[in-house]
Amino acid sequence: MDASTVVGILVVAGGAALMATGALRKGRAVRPLRPARARAAAERADFRVLLRAAGMAIASARDAAGHGEPIIVTVEDVMRLTVEHFGHTEVPREQAAAALRLQYERAACARDCVTDAFG
């Protein structure tokens, strides 16, 4: 056997070992470690969507309000935007209200907005 043949065999064997290791470890790297962790990540993602929808609802209500009129933002507006723009089928009212309350305070809406999220 020639030295180049031995080197070629070692390179092919090393490549095959790396490919086999990658194929075996791929599934573990993609899947979450625990179902509870996956649920928590999904809940955080859903709440971020609700926050975006609440911000959109506040912005559209501000655009729709006339000069000197109060800005009215409802929890139903947030729920509707979440379904229409983000494709969620069910939106819990309590979570939509919590997201609207948070965005309401972030956007300093207390001076010119009216909402039903606190009731």
Protein backbone atom coordinates (compact mmCIF):
# COMPACT_ATOMS: atom_id res chain seq x y z
CA MET A 1 0.00 0.00 0.00
CA ASP A 2 1.16 3.43 -0.92
CA ALA A 3 1.25 6.35 1.60
CA SER A 4 -1.24 8.36 -0.46
CA THR A 5 -3.68 5.43 -0.37
CA VAL A 6 -3.44 5.26 3.43
CA VAL A 7 -4.00 9.03 3.70
CA GLY A 8 -6.98 8.77 1.34
CA ILE A 9 -8.54 5.99 3.41
CA LEU A 10 -8.02 7.97 6.63
CA VAL A 11 -9.64 11.09 5.12
CA VAL A 12 -12.65 9.12 3.86
CA ALA A 13 -13.03 7.32 7.21
CA GLY A 14 -12.76 10.58 9.14
CA GLY A 15 -15.35 12.25 6.90
CA ALA A 16 -17.72 9.31 7.30
CA ALA A 17 -17.30 9.43 11.09
CA LEU A 18 -18.05 13.17 11.15
CA MET A 19 -21.14 12.71 8.97
CA ALA A 20 -22.43 9.87 11.17
CA THR A 21 -21.87 11.94 14.32
CA GLY A 22 -23.66 14.92 12.78
CA ALA A 23 -26.60 12.79 11.68
CA LEU A 24 -27.00 11.32 15.17
CA ARG A 25 -26.69 14.62 17.07
CA LYS A 26 -28.85 16.72 14.75
CA GLY A 27 -32.16 15.67 16.31
CA ARG A 28 -31.00 16.45 19.83
CA ALA A 29 -29.77 19.92 18.97
CA VAL A 30 -33.07 20.97 17.36
CA ARG A 31 -35.54 19.60 19.91
CA PRO A 32 -36.04 21.39 23.20
CA LEU A 33 -34.82 19.59 26.27
CA ARG A 34 -38.14 19.51 28.12
CA PRO A 35 -41.78 19.98 27.13
CA ALA A 36 -42.16 22.59 29.88
CA ARG A 37 -39.39 24.64 28.30
CA ALA A 38 -41.06 24.43 24.89
CA ARG A 39 -44.38 25.56 26.38
CA ALA A 40 -42.72 28.50 28.11
CA ALA A 41 -41.03 29.56 24.86
CA ALA A 42 -44.36 29.33 23.00
CA GLU A 43 -46.11 31.41 25.67
CA ARG A 44 -43.42 34.10 25.46
CA ALA A 45 -43.73 34.20 21.67
CA ASP A 46 -47.52 34.47 21.90
CA PHE A 47 -47.27 37.34 24.38
CA ARG A 48 -44.84 39.18 22.10
CA VAL A 49 -47.41 38.87 19.32
CA LEU A 50 -50.09 40.26 21.66
CA LEU A 51 -47.82 43.19 22.54
CA ARG A 52 -47.35 43.97 18.85
CA ALA A 53 -51.09 43.76 18.25
CA ALA A 54 -51.74 46.06 21.22
CA GLY A 55 -49.28 48.58 19.86
CA MET A 56 -50.94 48.39 16.45
CA ALA A 57 -54.37 48.87 18.04
CA ILE A 58 -53.20 51.97 19.90
CA ALA A 59 -51.60 53.41 16.76
CA SER A 60 -54.66 52.80 14.60
CA ALA A 61 -56.97 54.26 17.26
CA ARG A 62 -54.78 57.37 17.41
CA ASP A 63 -54.96 57.69 13.64
CA ALA A 64 -58.74 57.26 13.62
CA ALA A 65 -59.46 59.75 16.41
CA GLY A 66 -60.24 63.30 15.43
CA HIS A 67 -58.67 66.38 16.93
CA GLY A 68 -59.70 66.74 20.57
CA GLU A 69 -61.48 63.34 20.66
CA PRO A 70 -60.43 60.68 23.15
CA ILE A 71 -58.60 57.68 21.75
CA ILE A 72 -60.63 54.53 22.42
CA VAL A 73 -58.76 51.22 22.40
CA THR A 74 -60.55 48.00 23.35
CA VAL A 75 -59.36 44.50 24.16
CA GLU A 76 -61.48 43.28 21.24
CA ASP A 77 -59.34 45.44 18.91
CA VAL A 78 -56.22 43.64 20.14
CA MET A 79 -57.88 40.24 19.77
CA ARG A 80 -59.07 41.07 16.25
CA LEU A 81 -55.64 42.29 15.15
CA THR A 82 -54.00 39.19 16.59
CA VAL A 83 -56.31 36.97 14.58
CA GLU A 84 -56.20 39.02 11.37
CA HIS A 85 -52.52 39.94 11.20
CA PHE A 86 -50.79 37.13 13.03
CA GLY A 87 -53.04 34.16 12.26
CA HIS A 88 -53.85 33.09 15.80
CA THR A 89 -57.10 31.16 16.02
CA GLU A 90 -57.82 31.71 19.70
CA VAL A 91 -56.76 34.65 21.81
CA PRO A 92 -57.47 34.57 25.57
CA ARG A 93 -59.12 37.81 26.62
CA GLU A 94 -57.11 38.00 29.85
CA GLN A 95 -53.80 37.84 27.99
CA ALA A 96 -54.94 40.40 25.42
CA ALA A 97 -55.99 42.72 28.26
CA ALA A 98 -52.63 42.27 30.00
CA ALA A 99 -50.76 43.12 26.78
CA LEU A 100 -52.96 46.17 26.20
CA ARG A 101 -52.38 47.38 29.77
CA LEU A 102 -48.62 47.07 29.32
CA GLN A 103 -48.60 48.88 25.96
CA TYR A 104 -51.05 51.46 27.35
CA GLU A 105 -48.55 52.38 30.06
CA ARG A 106 -45.54 52.24 27.72
CA ALA A 107 -47.20 54.57 25.21
CA ALA A 108 -48.26 57.04 27.92
CA CYS A 109 -51.89 56.70 26.91
CA ALA A 110 -53.32 57.78 30.26
CA ARG A 111 -53.47 61.40 29.14
CA ASP A 112 -55.44 60.86 25.91
CA CYS A 113 -56.64 57.22 25.71
CA VAL A 114 -59.58 55.29 27.08
CA THR A 115 -59.50 51.50 27.38
CA ASP A 116 -61.45 48.64 28.87
CA ALA A 117 -58.31 46.62 29.69
CA PHE A 118 -58.36 47.60 33.35
CA GLY A 119 -61.96 46.62 34.01
